[in-house]
Amino acid sequence: MSAYRVIDRIQIESHILFIRIEPTDIKITLRDVFNSLSDIAWISDFDKKYIQDYFQVRAEETINYIANNIITQSDDKITSDTGELVVSELSRLTVINELKYLDIPLAEIIKSQAVGNDGFDFFSKNLNKVILFGEAKFKSSQNAYGSAFKQIEKFERIKQDVSDIKEIKEFCCEDSLNNHSNGIKGFIASFASKSTSTRNIVNGIKRNTHYNILKKHQEIICVAVNV
């Protein structure tokens, strides 16, 4: 059984996609999210041993922390501790599985600090060699798209994406890195969604000030996660 199912997919504009997903079973979802985070087979894709060692140390530290301090404490519920992690990873998997975009491990896994990194939460690259920067937000009582777009717009304004490139350059091709240097980039807004209808969420997104600032970029993906 998959950790989620797609329940809505709407093309808001030619370069802006909305996807809404529903986790299947919380216990299965938490297990699958942790298994996905724990799979570090991607390290072997790098030819140079020093790069493999570099990512090995980073990944194992974070995986151990998540196992001991987040997943095992969750009691099979999506809490404030697990929420952003689950939203991030399910959104990342959705982009990879549904759109066939590049699989780059979650930022928590590849960045130097074990947990609580500043910067974007996850990354990918689309089929046009454009790097996408993802930000996940979880709120237990309301839809979190406003917080996600606000954070993305702030990060773009302070050039956080430029700073994060150093963390993901080993995963990206030269063309995509050059595209980013030329201002060609995209963003993924990942957020917890509640009982609000998809129509109302999409209409709310369209009215959002930060969304309307960001929509000039090459691609925007909105991933609503029903948690």
Protein backbone atom coordinates (compact mmCIF):
# COMPACT_ATOMS: atom_id res chain seq x y z
CA MET A 1 0.00 0.00 0.00
CA SER A 2 1.29 3.45 -0.93
CA ALA A 3 1.77 6.09 1.76
CA TYR A 4 -0.66 8.40 -0.06
CA ARG A 5 -3.15 8.73 -2.90
CA VAL A 6 -3.77 11.68 -5.20
CA ILE A 7 -7.30 13.05 -4.78
CA ASP A 8 -7.09 16.24 -6.90
CA ARG A 9 -4.84 17.56 -9.65
CA ILE A 10 -5.57 20.96 -11.16
CA GLN A 11 -3.59 23.02 -13.67
CA ILE A 12 -4.06 26.55 -12.31
CA GLU A 13 -1.98 28.09 -15.12
CA SER A 14 0.24 26.54 -17.77
CA HIS A 15 3.23 26.64 -15.37
CA ILE A 16 1.36 26.28 -12.07
CA LEU A 17 0.10 22.90 -10.84
CA PHE A 18 -1.98 22.07 -7.75
CA ILE A 19 -1.95 18.51 -6.37
CA ARG A 20 -3.86 17.36 -3.28
CA ILE A 21 -2.95 14.09 -1.62
CA GLU A 22 -4.44 11.96 1.14
CA PRO A 23 -2.20 9.82 3.38
CA THR A 24 -3.56 6.29 3.35
CA ASP A 25 -3.09 5.20 6.95
CA ILE A 26 -1.15 7.27 9.49
CA LYS A 27 0.79 4.30 10.82
CA ILE A 28 1.71 3.15 7.30
CA THR A 29 2.48 6.73 6.27
CA LEU A 30 4.87 7.31 9.17
CA ARG A 31 6.60 4.00 8.50
CA ASP A 32 6.92 4.68 4.77
CA VAL A 33 8.17 8.23 5.36
CA PHE A 34 10.86 6.95 7.69
CA ASN A 35 11.79 4.11 5.30
CA SER A 36 12.07 6.64 2.48
CA LEU A 37 14.29 8.90 4.57
CA SER A 38 16.41 5.95 5.70
CA ASP A 39 17.11 4.68 2.19
CA ILE A 40 20.58 6.05 1.47
CA ALA A 41 21.29 3.89 -1.58
CA TRP A 42 21.56 7.14 -3.56
CA ILE A 43 24.97 7.74 -1.95
CA SER A 44 26.48 4.99 -4.13
CA ASP A 45 25.57 6.99 -7.25
CA PHE A 46 28.48 9.32 -6.58
CA ASP A 47 31.78 8.22 -8.11
CA LYS A 48 34.10 9.88 -5.63
CA LYS A 49 34.48 8.21 -2.25
CA TYR A 50 35.00 11.50 -0.40
CA ILE A 51 31.57 12.66 -1.60
CA GLN A 52 30.02 9.35 -0.53
CA ASP A 53 31.64 9.67 2.92
CA TYR A 54 30.49 13.30 3.18
CA PHE A 55 26.84 12.45 2.62
CA GLN A 56 27.03 9.20 4.65
CA VAL A 57 27.97 11.08 7.82
CA ARG A 58 25.30 13.72 7.28
CA ALA A 59 22.52 11.27 6.46
CA GLU A 60 23.15 8.80 9.29
CA GLU A 61 23.21 11.54 11.92
CA THR A 62 19.83 12.89 10.83
CA ILE A 63 18.23 9.46 10.33
CA ASN A 64 19.23 8.41 13.84
CA TYR A 65 17.86 11.64 15.29
CA ILE A 66 14.54 11.31 13.47
CA ALA A 67 14.19 7.65 14.49
CA ASN A 68 14.88 8.31 18.17
CA ASN A 69 13.26 11.70 18.70
CA ILE A 70 10.46 12.13 16.19
CA ILE A 71 9.06 8.95 14.63
CA THR A 72 9.19 6.73 17.73
CA GLN A 73 7.55 9.47 19.82
CA SER A 74 4.65 10.02 17.45
CA ASP A 75 2.27 7.36 18.80
CA ASP A 76 1.01 6.89 15.23
CA LYS A 77 -0.32 10.45 15.03
CA ILE A 78 0.72 13.43 12.95
CA THR A 79 1.86 15.89 15.63
CA SER A 80 3.59 19.25 15.45
CA ASP A 81 6.91 17.38 15.61
CA THR A 82 6.14 14.95 12.81
CA GLY A 83 3.89 17.25 10.78
CA GLU A 84 6.38 19.29 8.80
CA LEU A 85 8.59 16.25 8.23
CA VAL A 86 5.65 14.22 6.87
CA VAL A 87 4.37 17.09 4.72
CA SER A 88 7.88 17.65 3.31
CA GLU A 89 8.58 14.04 2.47
CA LEU A 90 5.12 13.22 1.07
CA SER A 91 5.28 16.33 -1.13
CA ARG A 92 8.77 15.42 -2.32
CA LEU A 93 7.62 11.89 -3.16
CA THR A 94 4.56 13.25 -4.97
CA VAL A 95 6.70 15.44 -7.23
CA ILE A 96 9.05 12.51 -7.95
CA ASN A 97 6.37 9.88 -8.50
CA GLU A 98 3.63 11.86 -10.24
CA LEU A 99 5.76 14.22 -12.35
CA LYS A 100 8.92 12.08 -12.74
CA TYR A 101 11.10 14.94 -11.53
CA LEU A 102 14.57 14.49 -10.04
CA ASP A 103 14.85 12.61 -6.74
CA ILE A 104 16.96 14.70 -4.35
CA PRO A 105 16.90 13.59 -0.69
CA LEU A 106 15.16 15.79 1.87
CA ALA A 107 17.23 18.78 3.01
CA GLU A 108 17.36 17.38 6.55
CA ILE A 109 19.29 14.41 5.18
CA ILE A 110 21.87 16.21 3.06
CA LYS A 111 22.55 19.37 5.04
CA SER A 112 25.25 19.57 7.69
CA GLN A 113 23.00 20.23 10.69
CA ALA A 114 21.10 17.14 11.83
CA VAL A 115 17.69 18.76 12.31
CA GLY A 116 16.22 22.22 12.07
CA ASN A 117 18.13 23.54 9.10
CA ASP A 118 17.50 27.03 7.86
CA GLY A 119 16.62 27.25 4.20
CA PHE A 120 14.36 25.30 1.91
CA ASP A 121 13.02 21.91 3.04
CA PHE A 122 13.41 19.93 -0.20
CA PHE A 123 14.47 20.25 -3.82
CA SER A 124 13.92 18.75 -7.24
CA LYS A 125 14.62 19.45 -10.92
CA ASN A 126 11.97 19.43 -13.61
CA LEU A 127 12.19 17.98 -17.11
CA ASN A 128 13.33 21.34 -18.49
CA LYS A 129 16.40 21.35 -16.21
CA VAL A 130 14.95 23.95 -13.85
CA ILE A 131 15.75 23.52 -10.16
CA LEU A 132 12.72 23.68 -7.84
CA PHE A 133 12.97 24.79 -4.21
CA GLY A 134 10.37 23.37 -1.83
CA GLU A 135 9.07 24.72 1.46
CA ALA A 136 6.73 22.76 3.75
CA LYS A 137 4.43 24.15 6.44
CA PHE A 138 2.24 22.34 8.95
CA LYS A 139 -0.50 23.80 11.11
CA SER A 140 -2.71 21.57 13.20
CA SER A 141 -5.84 23.71 12.95
CA GLN A 142 -5.81 25.39 9.54
CA ASN A 143 -4.61 25.26 5.96
CA ALA A 144 -0.96 26.28 5.81
CA TYR A 145 -0.56 27.49 2.22
CA GLY A 146 -0.31 31.13 3.34
CA SER A 147 2.65 30.33 5.59
CA ALA A 148 4.34 28.30 2.84
CA PHE A 149 4.08 31.03 0.21
CA LYS A 150 5.11 33.74 2.69
CA GLN A 151 8.26 31.79 3.60
CA ILE A 152 9.13 31.02 -0.03
CA GLU A 153 8.71 34.65 -1.06
CA LYS A 154 10.92 35.77 1.85
CA PHE A 155 13.58 33.14 1.01
CA GLU A 156 13.56 34.18 -2.65
CA ARG A 157 13.91 37.83 -1.65
CA ILE A 158 16.94 37.18 0.58
CA LYS A 159 18.45 34.78 -2.00
CA GLN A 160 18.20 31.68 0.20
CA ASP A 161 17.97 29.58 -2.95
CA VAL A 162 21.43 30.86 -3.96
CA SER A 163 22.77 29.80 -0.57
CA ASP A 164 21.13 26.37 -0.80
CA ILE A 165 22.66 25.62 -4.21
CA LYS A 166 25.92 24.62 -2.52
CA GLU A 167 24.03 21.86 -0.68
CA ILE A 168 22.51 20.30 -3.80
CA LYS A 169 24.99 21.03 -6.58
CA GLU A 170 26.24 17.42 -6.57
CA PHE A 171 22.73 16.27 -7.56
CA CYS A 172 22.18 18.79 -10.35
CA CYS A 173 23.43 18.92 -13.93
CA GLU A 174 25.48 21.81 -15.23
CA ASP A 175 22.61 23.11 -17.37
CA SER A 176 20.28 23.36 -14.38
CA LEU A 177 22.92 25.13 -12.29
CA ASN A 178 23.53 27.60 -15.12
CA ASN A 179 19.78 28.14 -15.47
CA HIS A 180 19.59 29.00 -11.79
CA SER A 181 22.50 31.42 -12.12
CA ASN A 182 20.48 33.14 -14.84
CA GLY A 183 17.41 33.45 -12.61
CA ILE A 184 15.54 30.52 -14.14
CA LYS A 185 14.06 28.62 -11.19
CA GLY A 186 10.83 27.35 -9.65
CA PHE A 187 9.23 26.65 -6.28
CA ILE A 188 7.12 24.02 -4.52
CA ALA A 189 4.71 25.16 -1.82
CA SER A 190 3.92 22.17 0.37
CA PHE A 191 1.34 22.52 3.11
CA ALA A 192 -1.07 20.77 5.44
CA SER A 193 -4.69 21.04 4.32
CA LYS A 194 -7.85 20.49 6.34
CA SER A 195 -11.51 19.90 5.47
CA THR A 196 -11.69 22.96 3.21
CA SER A 197 -12.74 22.11 -0.34
CA THR A 198 -10.10 22.06 -3.06
CA ARG A 199 -11.93 24.85 -4.89
CA ASN A 200 -11.73 27.14 -1.86
CA ILE A 201 -8.06 26.32 -1.28
CA VAL A 202 -7.18 27.04 -4.91
CA ASN A 203 -9.16 30.30 -4.84
CA GLY A 204 -7.38 31.27 -1.63
CA ILE A 205 -4.01 30.55 -3.21
CA LYS A 206 -4.88 32.71 -6.24
CA ARG A 207 -5.65 35.64 -3.92
CA ASN A 208 -2.46 35.20 -1.89
CA THR A 209 -0.09 38.17 -2.20
CA HIS A 210 3.08 36.10 -1.92
CA TYR A 211 1.86 33.58 -4.49
CA ASN A 212 1.21 36.40 -6.95
CA ILE A 213 4.75 37.70 -6.47
CA LEU A 214 6.21 34.23 -7.07
CA LYS A 215 4.11 33.23 -10.09
CA LYS A 216 6.48 35.05 -12.46
CA HIS A 217 8.97 32.18 -12.06
CA GLN A 218 9.31 29.20 -14.42
CA GLU A 219 7.20 26.74 -12.43
CA ILE A 220 5.13 26.69 -9.25
CA ILE A 221 3.81 23.46 -7.73
CA CYS A 222 1.34 23.50 -4.85
CA VAL A 223 1.04 20.26 -2.87
CA ALA A 224 -1.78 20.07 -0.32
CA VAL A 225 -1.41 17.21 2.16
CA ASN A 226 -4.51 16.19 4.12
CA VAL A 227 -3.10 15.95 7.65
